[in-house]
Amino acid sequence: MHAPDFASALRGASLRVTRPRLAVLAAVHAEPHLDTDTVIGRVREDLGAVSHQAVYDVLRALTDAGLVRRIQPAGATARYEARVGDNHHHVVCRGCGEIADVDCAVGAAPCLAPSHDHGFSIDEAEVVYWGTCPRCAAAAPA
């Protein structure tokens, strides 16, 4: 999504177009899996003085509107990404915390179909793969 599309996306989600919302969308689209502090830093680079609370509020509004996705792997800080609506998954490095996208499993994927739904209407499965990224693996002692 290009910068001019951000305003249309906000309007399409019935959100007012504001400079902080545009800046947050730009930051999240520029680099996936940003934590809140990094988003705040990028927004401040773009706009100058913006409060933490303003960015938190924008992130919440954008998440609620489905324009960004909030993920929080166990033991990690919340991260935000622009890839929404496709039920993709993530791989997380146990060493450095790097996160990468993994497309949803195709074909038979028994772990994505619960053995009992307990009456829930299931609309998403969240899978997190844990491992070691190539950079951390290369740096590990032999």
N, C-alpha and C. Protein backbone atom coordinates (compact mmCIF):
# COMPACT_ATOMS: atom_id res chain seq x y z
N MET A 1 0.85 -1.17 0.00
CA MET A 1 0.00 0.00 0.00
C MET A 1 0.89 1.23 0.00
N HIS A 2 0.67 2.13 -0.92
CA HIS A 2 1.46 3.35 -1.03
C HIS A 2 0.85 4.43 -0.14
N ALA A 3 1.66 5.42 0.23
CA ALA A 3 1.23 6.48 1.15
C ALA A 3 -0.13 7.06 0.80
N PRO A 4 -0.43 7.40 -0.45
CA PRO A 4 -1.75 7.94 -0.75
C PRO A 4 -2.87 6.97 -0.41
N ASP A 5 -2.60 5.66 -0.46
CA ASP A 5 -3.61 4.65 -0.14
C ASP A 5 -3.91 4.60 1.36
N PHE A 6 -3.01 5.07 2.20
CA PHE A 6 -3.25 5.03 3.64
C PHE A 6 -4.48 5.84 4.01
N ALA A 7 -4.64 7.01 3.42
CA ALA A 7 -5.81 7.83 3.71
C ALA A 7 -7.09 7.11 3.29
N SER A 8 -7.06 6.48 2.13
CA SER A 8 -8.23 5.73 1.67
C SER A 8 -8.52 4.56 2.59
N ALA A 9 -7.47 3.88 3.05
CA ALA A 9 -7.65 2.75 3.96
C ALA A 9 -8.29 3.22 5.27
N LEU A 10 -7.84 4.34 5.79
CA LEU A 10 -8.42 4.88 7.02
C LEU A 10 -9.89 5.23 6.81
N ARG A 11 -10.18 5.92 5.73
CA ARG A 11 -11.58 6.27 5.45
C ARG A 11 -12.43 5.03 5.27
N GLY A 12 -11.88 4.03 4.57
CA GLY A 12 -12.61 2.78 4.36
C GLY A 12 -12.91 2.05 5.65
N ALA A 13 -12.11 2.29 6.67
CA ALA A 13 -12.33 1.68 7.99
C ALA A 13 -13.11 2.62 8.91
N SER A 14 -13.65 3.70 8.33
CA SER A 14 -14.42 4.70 9.09
C SER A 14 -13.59 5.38 10.18
N LEU A 15 -12.30 5.58 9.89
CA LEU A 15 -11.41 6.29 10.79
C LEU A 15 -11.04 7.64 10.18
N ARG A 16 -10.95 8.65 11.04
CA ARG A 16 -10.49 9.95 10.56
C ARG A 16 -9.05 9.84 10.09
N VAL A 17 -8.73 10.61 9.08
CA VAL A 17 -7.36 10.65 8.57
C VAL A 17 -6.61 11.70 9.38
N THR A 18 -5.62 11.24 10.16
CA THR A 18 -4.80 12.14 10.97
C THR A 18 -3.34 11.87 10.66
N ARG A 19 -2.51 12.84 10.94
CA ARG A 19 -1.07 12.66 10.70
C ARG A 19 -0.50 11.50 11.52
N PRO A 20 -0.84 11.37 12.82
CA PRO A 20 -0.31 10.21 13.56
C PRO A 20 -0.76 8.87 12.97
N ARG A 21 -2.00 8.77 12.54
CA ARG A 21 -2.47 7.50 11.95
C ARG A 21 -1.73 7.21 10.65
N LEU A 22 -1.53 8.23 9.83
CA LEU A 22 -0.79 8.04 8.59
C LEU A 22 0.65 7.63 8.88
N ALA A 23 1.27 8.26 9.87
CA ALA A 23 2.67 7.95 10.22
C ALA A 23 2.81 6.53 10.77
N VAL A 24 1.86 6.11 11.61
CA VAL A 24 1.91 4.76 12.15
C VAL A 24 1.73 3.74 11.03
N LEU A 25 0.76 3.96 10.16
CA LEU A 25 0.57 3.04 9.03
C LEU A 25 1.82 2.96 8.17
N ALA A 26 2.44 4.10 7.90
CA ALA A 26 3.66 4.11 7.10
C ALA A 26 4.77 3.31 7.77
N ALA A 27 4.93 3.47 9.08
CA ALA A 27 5.97 2.75 9.82
C ALA A 27 5.73 1.25 9.78
N VAL A 28 4.50 0.83 10.02
CA VAL A 28 4.19 -0.60 10.07
C VAL A 28 4.29 -1.22 8.67
N HIS A 29 3.95 -0.47 7.64
CA HIS A 29 4.08 -0.99 6.28
C HIS A 29 5.52 -1.02 5.81
N ALA A 30 6.37 -0.16 6.35
CA ALA A 30 7.76 -0.10 5.91
C ALA A 30 8.58 -1.28 6.42
N GLU A 31 8.23 -1.79 7.59
CA GLU A 31 9.01 -2.88 8.19
C GLU A 31 8.09 -3.74 9.04
N PRO A 32 8.02 -5.03 8.76
CA PRO A 32 7.11 -5.89 9.53
C PRO A 32 7.62 -6.18 10.93
N HIS A 33 6.70 -6.50 11.80
CA HIS A 33 6.98 -7.00 13.15
C HIS A 33 7.68 -5.98 14.04
N LEU A 34 7.25 -4.73 13.93
CA LEU A 34 7.83 -3.68 14.78
C LEU A 34 7.22 -3.70 16.16
N ASP A 35 8.06 -3.49 17.19
CA ASP A 35 7.51 -3.34 18.53
C ASP A 35 7.05 -1.90 18.71
N THR A 36 6.31 -1.66 19.78
CA THR A 36 5.72 -0.34 20.00
C THR A 36 6.77 0.75 20.10
N ASP A 37 7.87 0.50 20.81
CA ASP A 37 8.91 1.53 20.94
C ASP A 37 9.50 1.91 19.59
N THR A 38 9.68 0.93 18.71
CA THR A 38 10.21 1.23 17.38
C THR A 38 9.20 2.03 16.57
N VAL A 39 7.92 1.67 16.67
CA VAL A 39 6.88 2.44 15.98
C VAL A 39 6.91 3.88 16.47
N ILE A 40 6.99 4.07 17.78
CA ILE A 40 7.04 5.42 18.36
C ILE A 40 8.24 6.19 17.79
N GLY A 41 9.39 5.55 17.74
CA GLY A 41 10.59 6.19 17.20
C GLY A 41 10.43 6.61 15.75
N ARG A 42 9.84 5.72 14.95
CA ARG A 42 9.65 6.02 13.53
C ARG A 42 8.63 7.16 13.35
N VAL A 43 7.58 7.15 14.14
CA VAL A 43 6.57 8.21 14.06
C VAL A 43 7.18 9.54 14.47
N ARG A 44 8.01 9.54 15.50
CA ARG A 44 8.66 10.78 15.93
C ARG A 44 9.65 11.28 14.89
N GLU A 45 10.32 10.38 14.18
CA GLU A 45 11.21 10.80 13.09
C GLU A 45 10.40 11.51 12.00
N ASP A 46 9.18 11.07 11.80
CA ASP A 46 8.32 11.61 10.75
C ASP A 46 7.61 12.89 11.20
N LEU A 47 7.10 12.90 12.43
CA LEU A 47 6.24 14.00 12.88
C LEU A 47 6.83 14.90 13.95
N GLY A 48 7.89 14.47 14.58
CA GLY A 48 8.39 15.23 15.73
C GLY A 48 7.76 14.71 17.01
N ALA A 49 7.41 15.61 17.90
CA ALA A 49 6.88 15.23 19.21
C ALA A 49 5.50 14.59 19.09
N VAL A 50 5.43 13.33 19.47
CA VAL A 50 4.17 12.59 19.55
C VAL A 50 4.26 11.77 20.82
N SER A 51 3.20 11.79 21.62
CA SER A 51 3.24 11.07 22.89
C SER A 51 3.15 9.55 22.69
N HIS A 52 3.69 8.83 23.68
CA HIS A 52 3.55 7.37 23.68
C HIS A 52 2.08 7.00 23.60
N GLN A 53 1.27 7.68 24.42
CA GLN A 53 -0.15 7.34 24.49
C GLN A 53 -0.84 7.53 23.15
N ALA A 54 -0.48 8.58 22.42
CA ALA A 54 -1.09 8.80 21.10
C ALA A 54 -0.79 7.64 20.16
N VAL A 55 0.45 7.15 20.18
CA VAL A 55 0.81 6.03 19.30
C VAL A 55 0.10 4.76 19.77
N TYR A 56 0.05 4.52 21.08
CA TYR A 56 -0.69 3.36 21.59
C TYR A 56 -2.14 3.41 21.14
N ASP A 57 -2.76 4.59 21.23
CA ASP A 57 -4.16 4.75 20.83
C ASP A 57 -4.34 4.49 19.34
N VAL A 58 -3.41 5.00 18.53
CA VAL A 58 -3.49 4.77 17.08
C VAL A 58 -3.33 3.28 16.77
N LEU A 59 -2.35 2.63 17.39
CA LEU A 59 -2.15 1.20 17.16
C LEU A 59 -3.39 0.41 17.53
N ARG A 60 -4.02 0.75 18.64
CA ARG A 60 -5.25 0.06 19.06
C ARG A 60 -6.36 0.28 18.04
N ALA A 61 -6.54 1.53 17.59
CA ALA A 61 -7.59 1.83 16.61
C ALA A 61 -7.34 1.11 15.29
N LEU A 62 -6.09 1.10 14.83
CA LEU A 62 -5.77 0.43 13.57
C LEU A 62 -5.93 -1.08 13.68
N THR A 63 -5.58 -1.64 14.84
CA THR A 63 -5.76 -3.07 15.06
C THR A 63 -7.25 -3.41 15.11
N ASP A 64 -8.01 -2.64 15.86
CA ASP A 64 -9.46 -2.87 15.95
C ASP A 64 -10.13 -2.77 14.59
N ALA A 65 -9.63 -1.89 13.74
CA ALA A 65 -10.20 -1.69 12.40
C ALA A 65 -9.71 -2.74 11.40
N GLY A 66 -8.74 -3.57 11.81
CA GLY A 66 -8.22 -4.60 10.91
C GLY A 66 -7.20 -4.11 9.91
N LEU A 67 -6.65 -2.91 10.15
CA LEU A 67 -5.64 -2.38 9.23
C LEU A 67 -4.23 -2.83 9.59
N VAL A 68 -4.00 -3.19 10.83
CA VAL A 68 -2.74 -3.79 11.26
C VAL A 68 -3.07 -4.98 12.15
N ARG A 69 -2.11 -5.85 12.31
CA ARG A 69 -2.27 -7.03 13.16
C ARG A 69 -1.28 -6.96 14.30
N ARG A 70 -1.75 -7.25 15.49
CA ARG A 70 -0.90 -7.30 16.68
C ARG A 70 -0.59 -8.76 16.96
N ILE A 71 0.68 -9.07 17.10
CA ILE A 71 1.09 -10.42 17.47
C ILE A 71 1.94 -10.32 18.73
N GLN A 72 1.92 -11.36 19.53
CA GLN A 72 2.75 -11.36 20.73
C GLN A 72 3.15 -12.79 21.06
N PRO A 73 4.26 -13.24 20.45
CA PRO A 73 4.75 -14.58 20.78
C PRO A 73 5.07 -14.68 22.28
N ALA A 74 4.91 -15.84 22.84
CA ALA A 74 5.14 -16.06 24.27
C ALA A 74 6.49 -15.50 24.70
N GLY A 75 6.48 -14.71 25.75
CA GLY A 75 7.71 -14.15 26.30
C GLY A 75 8.27 -12.97 25.52
N ALA A 76 7.58 -12.52 24.49
CA ALA A 76 8.07 -11.41 23.66
C ALA A 76 7.14 -10.21 23.81
N THR A 77 7.64 -9.06 23.43
CA THR A 77 6.80 -7.86 23.44
C THR A 77 5.86 -7.91 22.23
N ALA A 78 4.79 -7.17 22.33
CA ALA A 78 3.84 -7.10 21.22
C ALA A 78 4.52 -6.51 20.00
N ARG A 79 4.15 -7.01 18.86
CA ARG A 79 4.67 -6.53 17.57
C ARG A 79 3.48 -6.22 16.68
N TYR A 80 3.72 -5.38 15.68
CA TYR A 80 2.66 -4.98 14.76
C TYR A 80 3.11 -5.21 13.34
N GLU A 81 2.18 -5.64 12.51
CA GLU A 81 2.48 -5.89 11.11
C GLU A 81 1.31 -5.46 10.24
N ALA A 82 1.62 -5.20 8.97
CA ALA A 82 0.61 -4.75 8.03
C ALA A 82 -0.05 -5.92 7.31
N ARG A 83 0.51 -7.09 7.39
CA ARG A 83 -0.07 -8.26 6.71
C ARG A 83 -1.25 -8.76 7.54
N VAL A 84 -2.44 -8.50 7.05
CA VAL A 84 -3.66 -8.85 7.79
C VAL A 84 -4.58 -9.70 6.92
N GLY A 85 -5.43 -10.45 7.58
CA GLY A 85 -6.51 -11.14 6.90
C GLY A 85 -6.17 -12.42 6.18
N ASP A 86 -4.96 -12.94 6.33
CA ASP A 86 -4.62 -14.17 5.60
C ASP A 86 -4.25 -15.32 6.52
N ASN A 87 -4.38 -15.14 7.82
CA ASN A 87 -4.12 -16.21 8.80
C ASN A 87 -2.74 -16.85 8.62
N HIS A 88 -1.73 -16.01 8.33
CA HIS A 88 -0.37 -16.54 8.24
C HIS A 88 0.18 -16.73 9.66
N HIS A 89 1.31 -17.37 9.73
CA HIS A 89 1.93 -17.69 11.02
C HIS A 89 3.31 -17.05 11.10
N HIS A 90 4.05 -17.38 12.16
CA HIS A 90 5.35 -16.75 12.37
C HIS A 90 6.37 -17.77 12.86
N VAL A 91 7.63 -17.49 12.54
CA VAL A 91 8.76 -18.23 13.09
C VAL A 91 9.58 -17.22 13.88
N VAL A 92 9.96 -17.62 15.10
CA VAL A 92 10.65 -16.72 16.02
C VAL A 92 11.98 -17.35 16.42
N CYS A 93 13.05 -16.55 16.35
CA CYS A 93 14.37 -17.03 16.77
C CYS A 93 14.48 -16.96 18.29
N ARG A 94 14.87 -18.06 18.88
CA ARG A 94 15.06 -18.10 20.34
C ARG A 94 16.26 -17.27 20.79
N GLY A 95 17.20 -17.01 19.87
CA GLY A 95 18.40 -16.26 20.21
C GLY A 95 18.18 -14.76 20.19
N CYS A 96 17.83 -14.23 19.04
CA CYS A 96 17.75 -12.77 18.89
C CYS A 96 16.33 -12.23 18.85
N GLY A 97 15.36 -13.11 18.74
CA GLY A 97 13.97 -12.67 18.70
C GLY A 97 13.46 -12.27 17.34
N GLU A 98 14.28 -12.44 16.29
CA GLU A 98 13.83 -12.11 14.93
C GLU A 98 12.55 -12.88 14.62
N ILE A 99 11.63 -12.23 13.92
CA ILE A 99 10.36 -12.85 13.54
C ILE A 99 10.22 -12.78 12.03
N ALA A 100 9.78 -13.87 11.44
CA ALA A 100 9.52 -13.91 10.00
C ALA A 100 8.15 -14.53 9.76
N ASP A 101 7.53 -14.17 8.65
CA ASP A 101 6.23 -14.72 8.29
C ASP A 101 6.38 -16.12 7.72
N VAL A 102 5.38 -16.95 7.99
CA VAL A 102 5.28 -18.29 7.41
C VAL A 102 3.85 -18.40 6.90
N ASP A 103 3.71 -18.70 5.61
CA ASP A 103 2.38 -18.85 5.06
C ASP A 103 1.65 -20.00 5.74
N CYS A 104 0.34 -19.91 5.75
CA CYS A 104 -0.48 -20.93 6.38
C CYS A 104 -0.21 -22.28 5.72
N ALA A 105 -0.28 -23.32 6.53
CA ALA A 105 -0.06 -24.67 6.02
C ALA A 105 -1.11 -25.00 4.96
N VAL A 106 -0.71 -25.72 3.96
CA VAL A 106 -1.64 -26.16 2.92
C VAL A 106 -1.74 -27.67 2.97
N GLY A 107 -2.82 -28.20 2.44
CA GLY A 107 -3.02 -29.65 2.49
C GLY A 107 -3.42 -30.06 3.90
N ALA A 108 -3.15 -31.29 4.24
CA ALA A 108 -3.52 -31.81 5.55
C ALA A 108 -2.69 -31.13 6.63
N ALA A 109 -3.37 -30.51 7.56
CA ALA A 109 -2.70 -29.81 8.68
C ALA A 109 -3.52 -30.07 9.94
N PRO A 110 -3.38 -31.26 10.50
CA PRO A 110 -4.25 -31.62 11.63
C PRO A 110 -4.13 -30.69 12.83
N CYS A 111 -3.00 -30.04 13.03
CA CYS A 111 -2.86 -29.16 14.19
C CYS A 111 -3.70 -27.89 14.03
N LEU A 112 -4.16 -27.57 12.81
CA LEU A 112 -4.96 -26.38 12.59
C LEU A 112 -6.45 -26.66 12.70
N ALA A 113 -6.83 -27.92 12.83
CA ALA A 113 -8.24 -28.29 13.01
C ALA A 113 -8.37 -28.88 14.42
N PRO A 114 -9.00 -28.16 15.34
CA PRO A 114 -9.08 -28.66 16.72
C PRO A 114 -9.85 -29.97 16.82
N SER A 115 -9.41 -30.83 17.73
CA SER A 115 -10.10 -32.09 17.92
C SER A 115 -11.49 -31.88 18.52
N HIS A 116 -11.66 -30.77 19.22
CA HIS A 116 -12.97 -30.41 19.79
C HIS A 116 -13.04 -28.90 19.86
N ASP A 117 -14.07 -28.32 19.26
CA ASP A 117 -14.15 -26.86 19.23
C ASP A 117 -14.89 -26.26 20.42
N HIS A 118 -15.42 -27.10 21.32
CA HIS A 118 -16.10 -26.65 22.54
C HIS A 118 -17.20 -25.63 22.24
N GLY A 119 -17.79 -25.72 21.06
CA GLY A 119 -18.87 -24.83 20.69
C GLY A 119 -18.42 -23.51 20.10
N PHE A 120 -17.13 -23.30 20.03
CA PHE A 120 -16.60 -22.06 19.46
C PHE A 120 -16.75 -22.09 17.94
N SER A 121 -16.94 -20.94 17.35
CA SER A 121 -16.88 -20.78 15.91
C SER A 121 -15.46 -20.34 15.60
N ILE A 122 -14.62 -21.26 15.18
CA ILE A 122 -13.20 -21.01 14.96
C ILE A 122 -13.01 -20.20 13.68
N ASP A 123 -12.27 -19.08 13.77
CA ASP A 123 -12.02 -18.28 12.58
C ASP A 123 -10.53 -18.04 12.34
N GLU A 124 -9.69 -18.50 13.24
CA GLU A 124 -8.25 -18.29 13.06
C GLU A 124 -7.48 -19.29 13.91
N ALA A 125 -6.36 -19.73 13.39
CA ALA A 125 -5.43 -20.56 14.15
C ALA A 125 -4.11 -19.80 14.22
N GLU A 126 -3.56 -19.68 15.40
CA GLU A 126 -2.30 -18.97 15.56
C GLU A 126 -1.21 -19.99 15.89
N VAL A 127 -0.27 -20.09 14.98
CA VAL A 127 0.84 -21.03 15.13
C VAL A 127 2.12 -20.23 15.19
N VAL A 128 2.96 -20.53 16.16
CA VAL A 128 4.28 -19.89 16.24
C VAL A 128 5.32 -21.01 16.21
N TYR A 129 6.19 -20.93 15.24
CA TYR A 129 7.32 -21.86 15.16
C TYR A 129 8.50 -21.22 15.87
N TRP A 130 9.20 -21.97 16.68
CA TRP A 130 10.36 -21.46 17.41
C TRP A 130 11.60 -22.18 16.91
N GLY A 131 12.70 -21.46 16.83
CA GLY A 131 13.94 -22.07 16.38
C GLY A 131 15.08 -21.08 16.49
N THR A 132 16.10 -21.28 15.67
CA THR A 132 17.26 -20.42 15.65
C THR A 132 17.44 -19.89 14.23
N CYS A 133 17.56 -18.56 14.11
CA CYS A 133 17.73 -17.96 12.79
C CYS A 133 19.13 -18.27 12.26
N PRO A 134 19.34 -18.14 10.95
CA PRO A 134 20.66 -18.43 10.38
C PRO A 134 21.79 -17.60 10.99
N ARG A 135 21.53 -16.32 11.30
CA ARG A 135 22.58 -15.46 11.87
C ARG A 135 23.00 -15.98 13.26
N CYS A 136 22.02 -16.34 14.09
CA CYS A 136 22.36 -16.86 15.42
C CYS A 136 23.01 -18.23 15.35
N ALA A 137 22.55 -19.05 14.41
CA ALA A 137 23.14 -20.39 14.24
C ALA A 137 24.60 -20.26 13.82
N ALA A 138 24.91 -19.31 12.94
CA ALA A 138 26.29 -19.13 12.48
C ALA A 138 27.18 -18.61 13.59
N ALA A 139 26.60 -17.84 14.52
CA ALA A 139 27.39 -17.27 15.60
C ALA A 139 27.56 -18.21 16.78
N ALA A 140 26.81 -19.30 16.80
CA ALA A 140 26.87 -20.25 17.92
C ALA A 140 28.18 -21.03 17.88
N PRO A 141 28.76 -21.29 19.06
CA PRO A 141 30.00 -22.09 19.09
C PRO A 141 29.73 -23.50 18.58
N ALA A 142 30.70 -24.05 17.89
CA ALA A 142 30.55 -25.38 17.30
C ALA A 142 30.61 -26.48 18.32
